[in-house]
Amino acid sequence: MEWIFGGLMTRSRTLVKTRNRGATTLRTRRCRGNPLAEYDSLPPELRRWVSEAALPWGAQSVRTAYQKALARTGDKTRALQELDAIERRLVAKDAGKVWMGTHPATH
């Protein structure tokens, strides 16, 4: 019998996952306050970016990264492109550890 946990299949129920994040070596933090209200307070272009992101960004962390990128670039589009680059680096960093070098992002 196969069981599916967070998108990963296993033949036993021994797979232990931390909430819905999946297997990751990236640092995680619990959200304080009201995560939905924090998400709703993000600018529309940033909410759209988060909704399409590969990683489960928290509202505060994505807001901080966006504000820093916006201060550097002075342009909303380029700031979002910087967030894309940050996310690609994080995925490649994590994929190498979780997938042990077999994930396409590590090549």
N, C-alpha and C. Protein backbone atom coordinates (compact mmCIF):
# COMPACT_ATOMS: atom_id res chain seq x y z
N MET A 1 0.84 -1.17 0.00
CA MET A 1 0.00 0.00 0.00
C MET A 1 0.89 1.23 0.00
N GLU A 2 0.53 2.24 -0.81
CA GLU A 2 1.31 3.47 -0.88
C GLU A 2 0.56 4.60 -0.17
N TRP A 3 1.31 5.42 0.50
CA TRP A 3 0.76 6.57 1.18
C TRP A 3 1.40 7.82 0.60
N ILE A 4 0.64 8.89 0.50
CA ILE A 4 1.18 10.14 -0.02
C ILE A 4 1.20 11.15 1.12
N PHE A 5 2.38 11.71 1.39
CA PHE A 5 2.56 12.71 2.43
C PHE A 5 3.17 13.94 1.80
N GLY A 6 2.45 15.02 1.71
CA GLY A 6 2.99 16.27 1.20
C GLY A 6 3.59 16.15 -0.18
N GLY A 7 3.02 15.27 -1.03
CA GLY A 7 3.51 15.14 -2.38
C GLY A 7 4.58 14.06 -2.54
N LEU A 8 5.06 13.47 -1.44
CA LEU A 8 6.05 12.41 -1.52
C LEU A 8 5.37 11.07 -1.23
N MET A 9 5.73 10.08 -2.02
CA MET A 9 5.11 8.76 -1.81
C MET A 9 6.07 7.86 -1.04
N THR A 10 5.52 7.03 -0.22
CA THR A 10 6.30 6.07 0.54
C THR A 10 5.47 4.81 0.70
N ARG A 11 6.12 3.70 0.97
CA ARG A 11 5.41 2.44 1.14
C ARG A 11 5.03 2.19 2.60
N SER A 12 5.44 3.04 3.49
CA SER A 12 5.08 2.87 4.90
C SER A 12 4.62 4.22 5.45
N ARG A 13 4.15 4.20 6.66
CA ARG A 13 3.69 5.43 7.29
C ARG A 13 4.79 6.05 8.14
N THR A 14 6.03 5.71 7.92
CA THR A 14 7.10 6.20 8.77
C THR A 14 7.65 7.55 8.34
N LEU A 15 7.22 8.07 7.21
CA LEU A 15 7.71 9.36 6.75
C LEU A 15 7.17 10.44 7.67
N VAL A 16 8.05 11.19 8.29
CA VAL A 16 7.66 12.25 9.20
C VAL A 16 7.91 13.58 8.53
N LYS A 17 6.92 14.41 8.49
CA LYS A 17 7.02 15.71 7.83
C LYS A 17 6.71 16.80 8.85
N THR A 18 7.31 17.95 8.66
CA THR A 18 7.01 19.10 9.48
C THR A 18 5.96 19.93 8.77
N ARG A 19 4.74 19.83 9.19
CA ARG A 19 3.62 20.55 8.59
C ARG A 19 3.56 20.30 7.08
N ASN A 20 3.37 21.33 6.27
CA ASN A 20 3.24 21.12 4.83
C ASN A 20 4.46 21.61 4.06
N ARG A 21 5.59 21.80 4.73
CA ARG A 21 6.77 22.34 4.05
C ARG A 21 7.53 21.30 3.24
N GLY A 22 7.37 20.04 3.55
CA GLY A 22 8.15 19.03 2.87
C GLY A 22 9.54 18.92 3.47
N ALA A 23 10.37 18.11 2.84
CA ALA A 23 11.74 17.93 3.31
C ALA A 23 12.55 19.16 2.92
N THR A 24 13.22 19.75 3.89
CA THR A 24 14.03 20.93 3.61
C THR A 24 15.13 21.07 4.65
N THR A 25 16.21 21.69 4.23
CA THR A 25 17.29 22.01 5.16
C THR A 25 17.33 23.51 5.41
N LEU A 26 16.44 24.26 4.77
CA LEU A 26 16.40 25.71 4.96
C LEU A 26 15.82 26.04 6.33
N ARG A 27 16.28 27.15 6.89
CA ARG A 27 15.81 27.58 8.20
C ARG A 27 14.33 27.92 8.14
N THR A 28 13.59 27.48 9.12
CA THR A 28 12.16 27.80 9.20
C THR A 28 11.88 28.46 10.54
N ARG A 29 10.87 29.30 10.56
CA ARG A 29 10.44 29.96 11.79
C ARG A 29 8.93 29.92 11.86
N ARG A 30 8.43 29.86 13.07
CA ARG A 30 6.99 29.94 13.25
C ARG A 30 6.57 31.40 13.16
N CYS A 31 5.42 31.62 12.54
CA CYS A 31 4.91 32.97 12.36
C CYS A 31 4.23 33.44 13.65
N ARG A 32 4.57 34.64 14.06
CA ARG A 32 3.89 35.23 15.21
C ARG A 32 2.84 36.19 14.67
N GLY A 33 1.78 36.33 15.40
CA GLY A 33 0.72 37.23 14.95
C GLY A 33 -0.27 36.51 14.06
N ASN A 34 -0.86 37.26 13.15
CA ASN A 34 -1.89 36.73 12.26
C ASN A 34 -1.32 36.64 10.84
N PRO A 35 -0.91 35.41 10.41
CA PRO A 35 -0.28 35.27 9.10
C PRO A 35 -1.16 35.74 7.94
N LEU A 36 -2.45 35.52 8.03
CA LEU A 36 -3.34 35.91 6.95
C LEU A 36 -3.43 37.44 6.84
N ALA A 37 -3.52 38.11 7.98
CA ALA A 37 -3.57 39.57 7.97
C ALA A 37 -2.25 40.14 7.45
N GLU A 38 -1.12 39.53 7.81
CA GLU A 38 0.18 39.98 7.32
C GLU A 38 0.26 39.79 5.80
N TYR A 39 -0.22 38.65 5.31
CA TYR A 39 -0.24 38.40 3.87
C TYR A 39 -1.12 39.43 3.16
N ASP A 40 -2.29 39.69 3.72
CA ASP A 40 -3.22 40.64 3.11
C ASP A 40 -2.65 42.06 3.06
N SER A 41 -1.73 42.38 3.96
CA SER A 41 -1.17 43.72 3.99
C SER A 41 -0.03 43.91 2.99
N LEU A 42 0.39 42.83 2.32
CA LEU A 42 1.44 42.95 1.31
C LEU A 42 0.91 43.70 0.09
N PRO A 43 1.78 44.42 -0.62
CA PRO A 43 1.34 45.07 -1.86
C PRO A 43 0.85 44.02 -2.86
N PRO A 44 -0.07 44.37 -3.74
CA PRO A 44 -0.65 43.40 -4.68
C PRO A 44 0.39 42.66 -5.52
N GLU A 45 1.42 43.36 -6.02
CA GLU A 45 2.43 42.70 -6.85
C GLU A 45 3.23 41.68 -6.03
N LEU A 46 3.42 41.95 -4.75
CA LEU A 46 4.16 41.02 -3.89
C LEU A 46 3.29 39.82 -3.51
N ARG A 47 2.00 40.04 -3.27
CA ARG A 47 1.08 38.92 -3.02
C ARG A 47 1.04 37.98 -4.23
N ARG A 48 1.01 38.57 -5.43
CA ARG A 48 1.01 37.77 -6.66
C ARG A 48 2.29 36.95 -6.74
N TRP A 49 3.43 37.57 -6.43
CA TRP A 49 4.71 36.86 -6.49
C TRP A 49 4.73 35.70 -5.49
N VAL A 50 4.27 35.94 -4.27
CA VAL A 50 4.26 34.89 -3.24
C VAL A 50 3.34 33.75 -3.66
N SER A 51 2.22 34.07 -4.30
CA SER A 51 1.28 33.02 -4.69
C SER A 51 1.86 32.08 -5.75
N GLU A 52 2.88 32.55 -6.49
CA GLU A 52 3.50 31.73 -7.52
C GLU A 52 4.89 31.21 -7.12
N ALA A 53 5.31 31.53 -5.91
CA ALA A 53 6.66 31.16 -5.46
C ALA A 53 6.78 29.66 -5.24
N ALA A 54 8.00 29.16 -5.42
CA ALA A 54 8.27 27.74 -5.22
C ALA A 54 8.43 27.39 -3.74
N LEU A 55 8.84 28.37 -2.94
CA LEU A 55 9.05 28.14 -1.52
C LEU A 55 7.93 28.78 -0.71
N PRO A 56 7.69 28.27 0.49
CA PRO A 56 6.63 28.83 1.34
C PRO A 56 7.11 30.06 2.09
N TRP A 57 7.18 31.19 1.42
CA TRP A 57 7.65 32.43 2.04
C TRP A 57 6.66 32.93 3.07
N GLY A 58 7.18 33.43 4.18
CA GLY A 58 6.36 34.11 5.17
C GLY A 58 6.20 35.57 4.75
N ALA A 59 5.11 36.19 5.17
CA ALA A 59 4.84 37.56 4.76
C ALA A 59 5.94 38.52 5.22
N GLN A 60 6.42 38.37 6.45
CA GLN A 60 7.43 39.29 6.95
C GLN A 60 8.76 39.10 6.23
N SER A 61 9.16 37.85 5.99
CA SER A 61 10.45 37.64 5.32
C SER A 61 10.43 38.10 3.87
N VAL A 62 9.32 37.89 3.18
CA VAL A 62 9.25 38.33 1.78
C VAL A 62 9.15 39.85 1.71
N ARG A 63 8.48 40.46 2.69
CA ARG A 63 8.39 41.93 2.72
C ARG A 63 9.78 42.53 2.94
N THR A 64 10.55 41.96 3.87
CA THR A 64 11.90 42.46 4.14
C THR A 64 12.79 42.33 2.92
N ALA A 65 12.77 41.16 2.28
CA ALA A 65 13.60 40.94 1.09
C ALA A 65 13.19 41.88 -0.04
N TYR A 66 11.90 42.08 -0.21
CA TYR A 66 11.38 42.96 -1.26
C TYR A 66 11.79 44.41 -1.00
N GLN A 67 11.65 44.86 0.25
CA GLN A 67 12.01 46.24 0.57
C GLN A 67 13.50 46.49 0.35
N LYS A 68 14.35 45.53 0.70
CA LYS A 68 15.79 45.67 0.45
C LYS A 68 16.08 45.71 -1.05
N ALA A 69 15.43 44.82 -1.80
CA ALA A 69 15.62 44.80 -3.25
C ALA A 69 15.10 46.07 -3.89
N LEU A 70 13.99 46.57 -3.42
CA LEU A 70 13.42 47.80 -3.95
C LEU A 70 14.32 49.00 -3.64
N ALA A 71 14.91 49.01 -2.46
CA ALA A 71 15.83 50.09 -2.11
C ALA A 71 17.08 50.06 -2.99
N ARG A 72 17.55 48.85 -3.32
CA ARG A 72 18.73 48.71 -4.18
C ARG A 72 18.44 49.10 -5.62
N THR A 73 17.31 48.66 -6.13
CA THR A 73 17.02 48.82 -7.56
C THR A 73 16.20 50.07 -7.87
N GLY A 74 15.33 50.46 -6.95
CA GLY A 74 14.45 51.61 -7.22
C GLY A 74 13.32 51.30 -8.17
N ASP A 75 13.12 50.02 -8.50
CA ASP A 75 12.11 49.62 -9.48
C ASP A 75 11.41 48.35 -9.00
N LYS A 76 10.08 48.37 -9.01
CA LYS A 76 9.31 47.22 -8.51
C LYS A 76 9.57 45.95 -9.32
N THR A 77 9.63 46.08 -10.63
CA THR A 77 9.85 44.91 -11.49
C THR A 77 11.22 44.30 -11.23
N ARG A 78 12.24 45.13 -11.14
CA ARG A 78 13.58 44.61 -10.87
C ARG A 78 13.69 44.04 -9.46
N ALA A 79 12.95 44.62 -8.50
CA ALA A 79 12.94 44.08 -7.15
C ALA A 79 12.34 42.66 -7.15
N LEU A 80 11.27 42.45 -7.90
CA LEU A 80 10.67 41.12 -8.00
C LEU A 80 11.61 40.15 -8.72
N GLN A 81 12.37 40.64 -9.69
CA GLN A 81 13.37 39.79 -10.35
C GLN A 81 14.45 39.38 -9.37
N GLU A 82 14.82 40.28 -8.45
CA GLU A 82 15.79 39.93 -7.42
C GLU A 82 15.24 38.85 -6.49
N LEU A 83 13.94 38.94 -6.17
CA LEU A 83 13.32 37.90 -5.36
C LEU A 83 13.36 36.56 -6.09
N ASP A 84 13.14 36.58 -7.40
CA ASP A 84 13.26 35.35 -8.19
C ASP A 84 14.66 34.76 -8.07
N ALA A 85 15.67 35.62 -8.16
CA ALA A 85 17.05 35.16 -8.06
C ALA A 85 17.36 34.61 -6.68
N ILE A 86 16.86 35.27 -5.64
CA ILE A 86 17.06 34.78 -4.27
C ILE A 86 16.43 33.40 -4.12
N GLU A 87 15.22 33.25 -4.63
CA GLU A 87 14.53 31.97 -4.51
C GLU A 87 15.26 30.87 -5.29
N ARG A 88 15.74 31.18 -6.48
CA ARG A 88 16.50 30.18 -7.25
C ARG A 88 17.73 29.71 -6.48
N ARG A 89 18.43 30.66 -5.85
CA ARG A 89 19.61 30.29 -5.06
C ARG A 89 19.23 29.40 -3.88
N LEU A 90 18.13 29.73 -3.19
CA LEU A 90 17.69 28.94 -2.05
C LEU A 90 17.27 27.53 -2.48
N VAL A 91 16.55 27.43 -3.59
CA VAL A 91 16.13 26.12 -4.09
C VAL A 91 17.35 25.28 -4.47
N ALA A 92 18.31 25.89 -5.17
CA ALA A 92 19.51 25.14 -5.56
C ALA A 92 20.30 24.70 -4.34
N LYS A 93 20.40 25.56 -3.35
CA LYS A 93 21.13 25.23 -2.12
C LYS A 93 20.45 24.06 -1.41
N ASP A 94 19.15 24.13 -1.27
CA ASP A 94 18.41 23.10 -0.55
C ASP A 94 18.31 21.80 -1.36
N ALA A 95 18.12 21.91 -2.66
CA ALA A 95 17.96 20.73 -3.51
C ALA A 95 19.19 19.85 -3.45
N GLY A 96 20.35 20.45 -3.42
CA GLY A 96 21.58 19.66 -3.35
C GLY A 96 21.67 18.82 -2.11
N LYS A 97 21.14 19.32 -0.99
CA LYS A 97 21.18 18.58 0.27
C LYS A 97 20.04 17.56 0.37
N VAL A 98 18.83 17.98 0.01
CA VAL A 98 17.67 17.09 0.14
C VAL A 98 17.71 15.98 -0.89
N TRP A 99 18.05 16.31 -2.15
CA TRP A 99 18.03 15.35 -3.23
C TRP A 99 19.40 14.70 -3.45
N MET A 100 20.38 15.08 -2.64
CA MET A 100 21.73 14.53 -2.71
C MET A 100 22.35 14.65 -4.10
N GLY A 101 22.20 15.83 -4.68
CA GLY A 101 22.86 16.11 -5.95
C GLY A 101 22.15 15.62 -7.19
N THR A 102 20.97 15.01 -7.05
CA THR A 102 20.28 14.46 -8.22
C THR A 102 19.19 15.40 -8.76
N HIS A 103 18.94 16.51 -8.12
CA HIS A 103 17.91 17.44 -8.58
C HIS A 103 18.46 18.32 -9.70
N PRO A 104 17.66 18.61 -10.73
CA PRO A 104 18.14 19.43 -11.85
C PRO A 104 18.65 20.82 -11.43
N ALA A 105 18.14 21.38 -10.36
CA ALA A 105 18.56 22.72 -9.92
C ALA A 105 20.00 22.73 -9.42
N THR A 106 20.58 21.57 -9.16
CA THR A 106 21.94 21.52 -8.63
C THR A 106 22.95 21.39 -9.74
N HIS A 107 22.52 21.26 -10.98
CA HIS A 107 23.45 21.08 -12.11
C HIS A 107 23.62 22.34 -12.90
